[in-house]
């Protein structure tokens, strides 16, 4: 079952899950294919995959686009980079 907005856009894949799966089960939220795209990118980046690789998978023309959109999911990387560099300097 498509939402009214999806039907007006002619987007047949906008809602993947729309109803409960049987008696006694709660309805699942509507999930668009675009939401799965963001989930995919977020999981890859949080798993430490290179931004360039994720950017290519998303079809972004430039990794800077990926960085602008998904920078908020990588805040821990700053601490990790600082700790790594500090250890390198201390061992020198």
Protein backbone atom coordinates (compact mmCIF):
# COMPACT_ATOMS: atom_id res chain seq x y z
CA UNK A 1 0.00 0.00 0.00
CA UNK A 2 1.46 3.35 -1.05
CA UNK A 3 1.08 6.61 0.79
CA UNK A 4 -0.79 9.49 -0.82
CA UNK A 5 2.41 11.45 -1.35
CA UNK A 6 4.11 8.44 -2.94
CA UNK A 7 1.16 7.86 -5.22
CA UNK A 8 1.19 11.50 -6.30
CA UNK A 9 4.92 11.20 -7.15
CA UNK A 10 4.40 7.91 -8.93
CA UNK A 11 6.96 6.32 -6.60
CA UNK A 12 6.00 2.65 -6.37
CA UNK A 13 8.90 1.78 -4.07
CA UNK A 14 8.62 4.58 -1.54
CA UNK A 15 6.97 2.44 1.15
CA UNK A 16 8.47 -0.95 1.79
CA UNK A 17 6.67 -1.84 5.00
CA UNK A 18 3.26 -0.37 5.72
CA UNK A 19 1.09 -2.76 7.72
CA UNK A 20 1.19 -5.20 10.60
CA UNK A 21 2.35 -8.69 9.73
CA UNK A 22 -0.59 -10.46 11.36
CA UNK A 23 -2.96 -10.48 14.31
CA UNK A 24 -1.44 -9.28 17.56
CA UNK A 25 1.58 -7.67 15.93
CA UNK A 26 2.17 -3.94 15.92
CA UNK A 27 2.35 -2.14 12.62
CA UNK A 28 5.88 -1.41 11.46
CA UNK A 29 6.85 2.13 10.47
CA UNK A 30 6.89 3.11 6.85
CA UNK A 31 10.38 2.79 5.41
CA UNK A 32 11.34 4.35 2.11
CA UNK A 33 14.08 3.02 -0.15
CA UNK A 34 15.87 6.34 0.40
CA UNK A 35 15.86 5.64 4.17
CA UNK A 36 17.60 2.33 3.49
CA UNK A 37 20.20 4.19 1.42
CA UNK A 38 21.02 6.40 4.42
CA UNK A 39 21.10 3.40 6.75
CA UNK A 40 23.47 1.59 4.39
CA UNK A 41 25.85 4.57 4.23
CA UNK A 42 25.72 5.14 7.98
CA UNK A 43 26.52 1.51 8.79
CA UNK A 44 29.44 1.48 6.35
CA UNK A 45 30.92 4.69 7.76
CA UNK A 46 30.44 3.62 11.38
CA UNK A 47 32.15 0.36 10.43
CA UNK A 48 35.24 2.29 9.38
CA UNK A 49 34.88 1.94 5.62
CA UNK A 50 36.66 4.71 3.68
CA UNK A 51 34.56 7.72 2.73
CA UNK A 52 35.72 7.32 -0.88
CA UNK A 53 34.27 3.80 -1.03
CA UNK A 54 30.97 4.85 0.51
CA UNK A 55 30.80 7.85 -1.80
CA UNK A 56 31.25 5.63 -4.83
CA UNK A 57 28.57 3.20 -3.62
CA UNK A 58 26.13 6.10 -3.21
CA UNK A 59 27.00 7.50 -6.63
CA UNK A 60 28.17 10.83 -5.27
CA UNK A 61 30.27 12.82 -7.73
CA UNK A 62 32.67 13.85 -4.97
CA UNK A 63 33.46 12.37 -1.52
CA UNK A 64 32.95 15.88 -0.10
CA UNK A 65 29.22 15.41 -0.65
CA UNK A 66 29.30 12.24 1.44
CA UNK A 67 31.32 13.99 4.15
CA UNK A 68 28.85 16.88 4.34
CA UNK A 69 25.83 14.58 4.61
CA UNK A 70 27.28 11.96 6.97
CA UNK A 71 29.89 13.82 9.05
CA UNK A 72 27.61 13.61 12.10
CA UNK A 73 27.90 9.80 12.19
CA UNK A 74 31.70 9.92 12.47
CA UNK A 75 32.37 12.16 15.51
CA UNK A 76 34.43 9.48 17.29
CA UNK A 77 36.95 9.48 14.49
CA UNK A 78 38.39 12.80 15.68
CA UNK A 79 39.24 11.37 19.12
CA UNK A 80 40.70 8.23 17.56
CA UNK A 81 42.87 10.26 15.17
CA UNK A 82 44.07 12.56 17.96
CA UNK A 83 44.95 9.61 20.21
CA UNK A 84 46.81 7.86 17.39
CA UNK A 85 48.82 10.97 16.57
CA UNK A 86 49.58 11.65 20.24
CA UNK A 87 50.91 8.11 20.65
CA UNK A 88 53.04 8.54 17.55
CA UNK A 89 54.56 11.79 18.85
CA UNK A 90 55.20 10.31 22.31
CA UNK A 91 57.04 7.34 20.84
CA UNK A 92 59.33 9.55 18.72
